[in-house]
PDB file of N, CA and C in Angstrom:
ATOM      1  N   UNK A   1      95.353  32.903   7.777  1.00  0.00           N
ATOM      2  CA  UNK A   1      94.683  31.655   8.041  1.00  0.00           C
ATOM      3  C   UNK A   1      93.329  31.946   8.687  1.00  0.00           C
ATOM      4  N   UNK A   2      92.265  31.327   8.216  1.00  0.00           N
ATOM      5  CA  UNK A   2      90.922  31.612   8.748  1.00  0.00           C
ATOM      6  C   UNK A   2      90.786  31.246  10.224  1.00  0.00           C
ATOM      7  N   UNK A   3      89.908  31.964  10.875  1.00  0.00           N
ATOM      8  CA  UNK A   3      89.603  31.733  12.279  1.00  0.00           C
ATOM      9  C   UNK A   3      88.721  30.490  12.377  1.00  0.00           C
ATOM     10  N   UNK A   4      88.995  29.658  13.360  1.00  0.00           N
ATOM     11  CA  UNK A   4      88.224  28.431  13.531  1.00  0.00           C
ATOM     12  C   UNK A   4      86.871  28.709  14.176  1.00  0.00           C
ATOM     13  N   UNK A   5      85.895  27.891  13.816  1.00  0.00           N
ATOM     14  CA  UNK A   5      84.538  27.996  14.352  1.00  0.00           C
ATOM     15  C   UNK A   5      84.565  27.697  15.851  1.00  0.00           C
ATOM     16  N   UNK A   6      83.822  28.510  16.617  1.00  0.00           N
ATOM     17  CA  UNK A   6      83.650  28.256  18.039  1.00  0.00           C
ATOM     18  C   UNK A   6      84.791  28.711  18.929  1.00  0.00           C
ATOM     19  N   UNK A   7      85.767  29.404  18.368  1.00  0.00           N
ATOM     20  CA  UNK A   7      86.903  29.852  19.177  1.00  0.00           C
ATOM     21  C   UNK A   7      86.636  31.235  19.763  1.00  0.00           C
ATOM     22  N   UNK A   8      87.453  31.583  20.746  1.00  0.00           N
ATOM     23  CA  UNK A   8      87.342  32.909  21.357  1.00  0.00           C
ATOM     24  C   UNK A   8      87.642  33.994  20.322  1.00  0.00           C
ATOM     25  N   UNK A   9      88.540  33.687  19.409  1.00  0.00           N
ATOM     26  CA  UNK A   9      88.880  34.640  18.346  1.00  0.00           C
ATOM     27  C   UNK A   9      87.655  34.913  17.464  1.00  0.00           C
ATOM     28  N   UNK A  10      86.873  33.883  17.160  1.00  0.00           N
ATOM     29  CA  UNK A  10      85.649  34.071  16.382  1.00  0.00           C
ATOM     30  C   UNK A  10      84.668  34.945  17.163  1.00  0.00           C
ATOM     31  N   UNK A  11      84.507  34.672  18.441  1.00  0.00           N
ATOM     32  CA  UNK A  11      83.597  35.444  19.284  1.00  0.00           C
ATOM     33  C   UNK A  11      83.966  36.922  19.286  1.00  0.00           C
ATOM     34  N   UNK A  12      85.239  37.206  19.462  1.00  0.00           N
ATOM     35  CA  UNK A  12      85.691  38.593  19.521  1.00  0.00           C
ATOM     36  C   UNK A  12      85.527  39.283  18.177  1.00  0.00           C
ATOM     37  N   UNK A  13      85.954  38.625  17.110  1.00  0.00           N
ATOM     38  CA  UNK A  13      85.888  39.237  15.780  1.00  0.00           C
ATOM     39  C   UNK A  13      84.435  39.493  15.358  1.00  0.00           C
ATOM     40  N   UNK A  14      83.563  38.511  15.544  1.00  0.00           N
ATOM     41  CA  UNK A  14      82.165  38.679  15.166  1.00  0.00           C
ATOM     42  C   UNK A  14      81.488  39.710  16.053  1.00  0.00           C
ATOM     43  N   UNK A  15      81.800  39.706  17.333  1.00  0.00           N
ATOM     44  CA  UNK A  15      81.232  40.698  18.243  1.00  0.00           C
ATOM     45  C   UNK A  15      81.607  42.116  17.849  1.00  0.00           C
ATOM     46  N   UNK A  16      82.851  42.301  17.462  1.00  0.00           N
ATOM     47  CA  UNK A  16      83.295  43.633  17.011  1.00  0.00           C
ATOM     48  C   UNK A  16      82.602  44.028  15.711  1.00  0.00           C
ATOM     49  N   UNK A  17      82.418  43.061  14.829  1.00  0.00           N
ATOM     50  CA  UNK A  17      81.721  43.354  13.568  1.00  0.00           C
ATOM     51  C   UNK A  17      80.298  43.840  13.867  1.00  0.00           C
ATOM     52  N   UNK A  18      79.629  43.170  14.787  1.00  0.00           N
ATOM     53  CA  UNK A  18      78.267  43.564  15.164  1.00  0.00           C
ATOM     54  C   UNK A  18      78.283  44.968  15.753  1.00  0.00           C
ATOM     55  N   UNK A  19      79.205  45.231  16.667  1.00  0.00           N
ATOM     56  CA  UNK A  19      79.284  46.542  17.308  1.00  0.00           C
ATOM     57  C   UNK A  19      79.571  47.655  16.310  1.00  0.00           C
ATOM     58  N   UNK A  20      80.545  47.438  15.448  1.00  0.00           N
ATOM     59  CA  UNK A  20      80.948  48.485  14.505  1.00  0.00           C
ATOM     60  C   UNK A  20      79.831  48.855  13.525  1.00  0.00           C
ATOM     61  N   UNK A  21      78.964  47.913  13.197  1.00  0.00           N
ATOM     62  CA  UNK A  21      77.910  48.174  12.223  1.00  0.00           C
ATOM     63  C   UNK A  21      76.634  48.738  12.814  1.00  0.00           C
ATOM     64  N   UNK A  22      76.536  48.785  14.131  1.00  0.00           N
ATOM     65  CA  UNK A  22      75.309  49.272  14.753  1.00  0.00           C
ATOM     66  C   UNK A  22      75.096  50.742  14.426  1.00  0.00           C
ATOM     67  N   UNK A  23      73.925  51.045  13.934  1.00  0.00           N
ATOM     68  CA  UNK A  23      73.544  52.420  13.650  1.00  0.00           C
ATOM     69  C   UNK A  23      74.088  52.991  12.348  1.00  0.00           C
ATOM     70  N   UNK A  24      74.769  52.177  11.560  1.00  0.00           N
ATOM     71  CA  UNK A  24      75.308  52.664  10.284  1.00  0.00           C
ATOM     72  C   UNK A  24      74.451  52.156   9.135  1.00  0.00           C
ATOM     73  N   UNK A  25      74.286  52.974   8.131  1.00  0.00           N
ATOM     74  CA  UNK A  25      73.517  52.578   6.954  1.00  0.00           C
ATOM     75  C   UNK A  25      74.193  51.411   6.242  1.00  0.00           C
ATOM     76  N   UNK A  26      75.515  51.348   6.265  1.00  0.00           N
ATOM     77  CA  UNK A  26      76.235  50.256   5.602  1.00  0.00           C
ATOM     78  C   UNK A  26      76.056  48.941   6.356  1.00  0.00           C
ATOM     79  N   UNK A  27      75.512  49.001   7.564  1.00  0.00           N
ATOM     80  CA  UNK A  27      75.355  47.812   8.379  1.00  0.00           C
ATOM     81  C   UNK A  27      74.328  46.827   7.869  1.00  0.00           C
ATOM     82  N   UNK A  28      73.607  47.137   6.793  1.00  0.00           N
ATOM     83  CA  UNK A  28      72.576  46.241   6.274  1.00  0.00           C
ATOM     84  C   UNK A  28      73.066  45.228   5.256  1.00  0.00           C
ATOM     85  N   UNK A  29      74.323  45.309   4.893  1.00  0.00           N
ATOM     86  CA  UNK A  29      74.876  44.380   3.904  1.00  0.00           C
ATOM     87  C   UNK A  29      75.336  43.094   4.578  1.00  0.00           C
ATOM     88  N   UNK A  30      75.354  42.000   3.842  1.00  0.00           N
ATOM     89  CA  UNK A  30      75.884  40.758   4.430  1.00  0.00           C
ATOM     90  C   UNK A  30      77.382  40.898   4.706  1.00  0.00           C
ATOM     91  N   UNK A  31      77.883  40.049   5.564  1.00  0.00           N
ATOM     92  CA  UNK A  31      79.298  40.069   5.931  1.00  0.00           C
ATOM     93  C   UNK A  31      80.159  39.952   4.668  1.00  0.00           C
ATOM     94  N   UNK A  32      81.037  40.928   4.499  1.00  0.00           N
ATOM     95  CA  UNK A  32      81.949  40.947   3.363  1.00  0.00           C
ATOM     96  C   UNK A  32      81.494  41.787   2.195  1.00  0.00           C
ATOM     97  N   UNK A  33      80.243  42.268   2.215  1.00  0.00           N
ATOM     98  CA  UNK A  33      79.704  43.019   1.079  1.00  0.00           C
ATOM     99  C   UNK A  33      79.365  44.474   1.390  1.00  0.00           C
ATOM    100  N   UNK A  34      79.830  44.998   2.505  1.00  0.00           N
ATOM    101  CA  UNK A  34      79.518  46.383   2.856  1.00  0.00           C
ATOM    102  C   UNK A  34      80.179  47.340   1.865  1.00  0.00           C
ATOM    103  N   UNK A  35      79.497  48.417   1.586  1.00  0.00           N
ATOM    104  CA  UNK A  35      80.028  49.440   0.689  1.00  0.00           C
ATOM    105  C   UNK A  35      79.382  50.780   1.031  1.00  0.00           C
ATOM    106  N   UNK A  36      79.997  51.857   0.582  1.00  0.00           N
ATOM    107  CA  UNK A  36      79.452  53.197   0.786  1.00  0.00           C
ATOM    108  C   UNK A  36      78.651  53.610  -0.432  1.00  0.00           C
ATOM    109  N   UNK A  37      77.418  53.969  -0.208  1.00  0.00           N
ATOM    110  CA  UNK A  37      76.577  54.489  -1.285  1.00  0.00           C
ATOM    111  C   UNK A  37      76.920  55.971  -1.444  1.00  0.00           C
ATOM    112  N   UNK A  38      77.455  56.375  -2.587  1.00  0.00           N
ATOM    113  CA  UNK A  38      77.855  57.774  -2.767  1.00  0.00           C
ATOM    114  C   UNK A  38      76.667  58.745  -2.804  1.00  0.00           C
ATOM    115  N   UNK A  39      75.453  58.233  -2.917  1.00  0.00           N
ATOM    116  CA  UNK A  39      74.276  59.097  -2.949  1.00  0.00           C
ATOM    117  C   UNK A  39      73.805  59.510  -1.555  1.00  0.00           C
ATOM    118  N   UNK A  40      74.412  58.940  -0.524  1.00  0.00           N
ATOM    119  CA  UNK A  40      74.017  59.255   0.847  1.00  0.00           C
ATOM    120  C   UNK A  40      75.069  60.152   1.464  1.00  0.00           C
ATOM    121  N   UNK A  41      74.624  61.323   1.941  1.00  0.00           N
ATOM    122  CA  UNK A  41      75.531  62.233   2.625  1.00  0.00           C
ATOM    123  C   UNK A  41      75.510  61.901   4.109  1.00  0.00           C
ATOM    124  N   UNK A  42      76.710  61.852   4.694  1.00  0.00           N
ATOM    125  CA  UNK A  42      76.852  61.535   6.101  1.00  0.00           C
ATOM    126  C   UNK A  42      77.667  62.631   6.775  1.00  0.00           C
ATOM    127  N   UNK A  43      77.376  62.887   8.047  1.00  0.00           N
ATOM    128  CA  UNK A  43      78.276  63.783   8.788  1.00  0.00           C
ATOM    129  C   UNK A  43      79.680  63.181   8.807  1.00  0.00           C
ATOM    130  N   UNK A  44      80.679  64.012   8.955  1.00  0.00           N
ATOM    131  CA  UNK A  44      82.065  63.571   8.869  1.00  0.00           C
ATOM    132  C   UNK A  44      82.366  62.409   9.821  1.00  0.00           C
ATOM    133  N   UNK A  45      81.904  62.479  11.065  1.00  0.00           N
ATOM    134  CA  UNK A  45      82.203  61.412  12.024  1.00  0.00           C
ATOM    135  C   UNK A  45      81.554  60.093  11.617  1.00  0.00           C
ATOM    136  N   UNK A  46      80.333  60.151  11.086  1.00  0.00           N
ATOM    137  CA  UNK A  46      79.645  58.936  10.625  1.00  0.00           C
ATOM    138  C   UNK A  46      80.319  58.399   9.366  1.00  0.00           C
ATOM    139  N   UNK A  47      80.777  59.278   8.514  1.00  0.00           N
ATOM    140  CA  UNK A  47      81.504  58.868   7.305  1.00  0.00           C
ATOM    141  C   UNK A  47      82.755  58.084   7.687  1.00  0.00           C
ATOM    142  N   UNK A  48      83.497  58.595   8.681  1.00  0.00           N
ATOM    143  CA  UNK A  48      84.718  57.923   9.123  1.00  0.00           C
ATOM    144  C   UNK A  48      84.404  56.564   9.744  1.00  0.00           C
ATOM    145  N   UNK A  49      83.361  56.503  10.573  1.00  0.00           N
ATOM    146  CA  UNK A  49      82.950  55.232  11.179  1.00  0.00           C
ATOM    147  C   UNK A  49      82.510  54.240  10.110  1.00  0.00           C
ATOM    148  N   UNK A  50      81.823  54.741   9.093  1.00  0.00           N
ATOM    149  CA  UNK A  50      81.359  53.876   8.002  1.00  0.00           C
ATOM    150  C   UNK A  50      82.540  53.308   7.226  1.00  0.00           C
ATOM    151  N   UNK A  51      83.518  54.148   6.932  1.00  0.00           N
ATOM    152  CA  UNK A  51      84.702  53.683   6.208  1.00  0.00           C
ATOM    153  C   UNK A  51      85.479  52.662   7.037  1.00  0.00           C
ATOM    154  N   UNK A  52      85.590  52.900   8.337  1.00  0.00           N
ATOM    155  CA  UNK A  52      86.267  51.959   9.234  1.00  0.00           C
ATOM    156  C   UNK A  52      85.514  50.621   9.278  1.00  0.00           C
ATOM    157  N   UNK A  53      84.192  50.710   9.340  1.00  0.00           N
ATOM    158  CA  UNK A  53      83.371  49.495   9.366  1.00  0.00           C
ATOM    159  C   UNK A  53      83.560  48.683   8.085  1.00  0.00           C
ATOM    160  N   UNK A  54      83.588  49.345   6.945  1.00  0.00           N
ATOM    161  CA  UNK A  54      83.730  48.645   5.666  1.00  0.00           C
ATOM    162  C   UNK A  54      85.065  47.905   5.601  1.00  0.00           C
ATOM    163  N   UNK A  55      86.130  48.551   6.043  1.00  0.00           N
ATOM    164  CA  UNK A  55      87.433  47.878   6.074  1.00  0.00           C
ATOM    165  C   UNK A  55      87.378  46.651   6.976  1.00  0.00           C
ATOM    166  N   UNK A  56      86.762  46.812   8.155  1.00  0.00           N
ATOM    167  CA  UNK A  56      86.682  45.694   9.094  1.00  0.00           C
ATOM    168  C   UNK A  56      85.780  44.593   8.543  1.00  0.00           C
ATOM    169  N   UNK A  57      84.704  44.979   7.886  1.00  0.00           N
ATOM    170  CA  UNK A  57      83.774  44.015   7.286  1.00  0.00           C
ATOM    171  C   UNK A  57      84.493  43.124   6.277  1.00  0.00           C
ATOM    172  N   UNK A  58      85.278  43.721   5.426  1.00  0.00           N
ATOM    173  CA  UNK A  58      85.999  42.955   4.407  1.00  0.00           C
ATOM    174  C   UNK A  58      87.069  42.068   5.045  1.00  0.00           C
ATOM    175  N   UNK A  59      87.739  42.595   6.071  1.00  0.00           N
ATOM    176  CA  UNK A  59      88.740  41.802   6.792  1.00  0.00           C
ATOM    177  C   UNK A  59      88.073  40.622   7.510  1.00  0.00           C
ATOM    178  N   UNK A  60      86.958  40.887   8.186  1.00  0.00           N
ATOM    179  CA  UNK A  60      86.246  39.833   8.915  1.00  0.00           C
ATOM    180  C   UNK A  60      85.779  38.727   7.965  1.00  0.00           C
ATOM    181  N   UNK A  61      85.340  39.102   6.776  1.00  0.00           N
ATOM    182  CA  UNK A  61      84.894  38.095   5.801  1.00  0.00           C
ATOM    183  C   UNK A  61      86.038  37.181   5.386  1.00  0.00           C
ATOM    184  N   UNK A  62      87.241  37.724   5.303  1.00  0.00           N
ATOM    185  CA  UNK A  62      88.407  36.894   4.971  1.00  0.00           C
ATOM    186  C   UNK A  62      88.756  35.959   6.122  1.00  0.00           C
ATOM    187  N   UNK A  63      88.642  36.466   7.341  1.00  0.00           N
ATOM    188  CA  UNK A  63      89.001  35.679   8.521  1.00  0.00           C
ATOM    189  C   UNK A  63      87.905  34.691   8.925  1.00  0.00           C
ATOM    190  N   UNK A  64      86.666  35.009   8.581  1.00  0.00           N
ATOM    191  CA  UNK A  64      85.516  34.175   8.954  1.00  0.00           C
ATOM    192  C   UNK A  64      84.775  33.711   7.698  1.00  0.00           C
ATOM    193  N   UNK A  65      85.426  32.959   6.821  1.00  0.00           N
ATOM    194  CA  UNK A  65      84.788  32.590   5.548  1.00  0.00           C
ATOM    195  C   UNK A  65      83.517  31.754   5.734  1.00  0.00           C
ATOM    196  N   UNK A  66      83.403  31.066   6.852  1.00  0.00           N
ATOM    197  CA  UNK A  66      82.202  30.264   7.115  1.00  0.00           C
ATOM    198  C   UNK A  66      80.982  31.127   7.416  1.00  0.00           C
ATOM    199  N   UNK A  67      81.202  32.424   7.656  1.00  0.00           N
ATOM    200  CA  UNK A  67      80.090  33.343   7.937  1.00  0.00           C
ATOM    201  C   UNK A  67      79.872  34.363   6.819  1.00  0.00           C
ATOM    202  N   UNK A  68      80.769  34.400   5.859  1.00  0.00           N
ATOM    203  CA  UNK A  68      80.682  35.371   4.767  1.00  0.00           C
ATOM    204  C   UNK A  68      79.357  35.224   4.023  1.00  0.00           C
ATOM    205  N   UNK A  69      78.735  36.365   3.722  1.00  0.00           N
ATOM    206  CA  UNK A  69      77.487  36.375   2.966  1.00  0.00           C
ATOM    207  C   UNK A  69      76.239  36.300   3.833  1.00  0.00           C
ATOM    208  N   UNK A  70      76.414  36.078   5.112  1.00  0.00           N
ATOM    209  CA  UNK A  70      75.244  36.048   6.004  1.00  0.00           C
ATOM    210  C   UNK A  70      74.888  37.470   6.422  1.00  0.00           C
ATOM    211  N   UNK A  71      73.603  37.703   6.588  1.00  0.00           N
ATOM    212  CA  UNK A  71      73.123  39.022   6.976  1.00  0.00           C
ATOM    213  C   UNK A  71      73.215  39.226   8.484  1.00  0.00           C
ATOM    214  N   UNK A  72      73.166  40.493   8.875  1.00  0.00           N
ATOM    215  CA  UNK A  72      73.309  40.893  10.279  1.00  0.00           C
ATOM    216  C   UNK A  72      72.378  40.122  11.202  1.00  0.00           C
ATOM    217  N   UNK A  73      71.095  40.012  10.866  1.00  0.00           N
ATOM    218  CA  UNK A  73      70.160  39.338  11.767  1.00  0.00           C
ATOM    219  C   UNK A  73      70.573  37.881  11.981  1.00  0.00           C
ATOM    220  N   UNK A  74      71.095  37.227  10.941  1.00  0.00           N
ATOM    221  CA  UNK A  74      71.557  35.843  11.068  1.00  0.00           C
ATOM    222  C   UNK A  74      72.792  35.764  11.975  1.00  0.00           C
ATOM    223  N   UNK A  75      73.695  36.706  11.792  1.00  0.00           N
ATOM    224  CA  UNK A  75      74.928  36.686  12.560  1.00  0.00           C
ATOM    225  C   UNK A  75      74.703  37.089  14.011  1.00  0.00           C
ATOM    226  N   UNK A  76      73.768  37.999  14.253  1.00  0.00           N
ATOM    227  CA  UNK A  76      73.438  38.351  15.635  1.00  0.00           C
ATOM    228  C   UNK A  76      72.820  37.153  16.347  1.00  0.00           C
ATOM    229  N   UNK A  77      71.958  36.416  15.665  1.00  0.00           N
ATOM    230  CA  UNK A  77      71.357  35.215  16.247  1.00  0.00           C
ATOM    231  C   UNK A  77      72.434  34.152  16.473  1.00  0.00           C
ATOM    232  N   UNK A  78      73.293  33.954  15.490  1.00  0.00           N
ATOM    233  CA  UNK A  78      74.398  32.991  15.605  1.00  0.00           C
ATOM    234  C   UNK A  78      75.246  33.338  16.835  1.00  0.00           C
ATOM    235  N   UNK A  79      75.569  34.611  16.986  1.00  0.00           N
ATOM    236  CA  UNK A  79      76.393  35.059  18.108  1.00  0.00           C
ATOM    237  C   UNK A  79      75.685  34.795  19.439  1.00  0.00           C
ATOM    238  N   UNK A  80      74.418  35.205  19.544  1.00  0.00           N
ATOM    239  CA  UNK A  80      73.659  35.008  20.790  1.00  0.00           C
ATOM    240  C   UNK A  80      73.539  33.527  21.139  1.00  0.00           C
ATOM    241  N   UNK A  81      73.217  32.705  20.150  1.00  0.00           N
ATOM    242  CA  UNK A  81      73.047  31.270  20.390  1.00  0.00           C
ATOM    243  C   UNK A  81      74.346  30.607  20.847  1.00  0.00           C
ATOM    244  N   UNK A  82      75.452  31.074  20.320  1.00  0.00           N
ATOM    245  CA  UNK A  82      76.747  30.434  20.585  1.00  0.00           C
ATOM    246  C   UNK A  82      77.466  31.053  21.782  1.00  0.00           C
ATOM    247  N   UNK A  83      77.376  32.382  21.918  1.00  0.00           N
ATOM    248  CA  UNK A  83      78.196  33.078  22.898  1.00  0.00           C
ATOM    249  C   UNK A  83      77.409  33.872  23.949  1.00  0.00           C
ATOM    250  N   UNK A  84      76.098  33.947  23.809  1.00  0.00           N
ATOM    251  CA  UNK A  84      75.295  34.691  24.778  1.00  0.00           C
ATOM    252  C   UNK A  84      75.001  36.111  24.317  1.00  0.00           C
ATOM    253  N   UNK A  85      74.329  36.877  25.172  1.00  0.00           N
ATOM    254  CA  UNK A  85      73.844  38.196  24.765  1.00  0.00           C
ATOM    255  C   UNK A  85      74.858  39.321  24.850  1.00  0.00           C
ATOM    256  N   UNK A  86      76.022  39.077  25.438  1.00  0.00           N
ATOM    257  CA  UNK A  86      76.959  40.178  25.679  1.00  0.00           C
ATOM    258  C   UNK A  86      78.037  40.228  24.613  1.00  0.00           C
ATOM    259  N   UNK A  87      78.212  41.431  24.050  1.00  0.00           N
ATOM    260  CA  UNK A  87      79.266  41.636  23.055  1.00  0.00           C
ATOM    261  C   UNK A  87      80.584  41.908  23.767  1.00  0.00           C
ATOM    262  N   UNK A  88      81.709  41.639  23.107  1.00  0.00           N
ATOM    263  CA  UNK A  88      83.009  41.874  23.753  1.00  0.00           C
ATOM    264  C   UNK A  88      83.233  43.356  24.022  1.00  0.00           C
ATOM    265  N   UNK A  89      84.005  43.627  25.065  1.00  0.00           N
ATOM    266  CA  UNK A  89      84.357  45.017  25.388  1.00  0.00           C
ATOM    267  C   UNK A  89      85.672  45.349  24.706  1.00  0.00           C
ATOM    268  N   UNK A  90      85.749  46.574  24.193  1.00  0.00           N
ATOM    269  CA  UNK A  90      87.001  46.995  23.517  1.00  0.00           C
ATOM    270  C   UNK A  90      88.103  47.206  24.508  1.00  0.00           C
TER     271      UNK A  90
END
């Protein structure tokens, strides 16, 4: 069942999506469309983080259908406007 707009669950899920994509090349895709470009070589640790991010990206798009297809800059602004500047702590 999708996460409702404006809930704490939305804040946490979107905040984690933002955190997981920081510094990754795959982080430039809209929510739900992340993929690994096979032409880019990554160190093993970055490869693992990228694969983890892609799984979470696809899961988040299912849970947050009202945000699917929006780009990172839009979602970061949405998050700041709605929840403030601080991302959730793991």
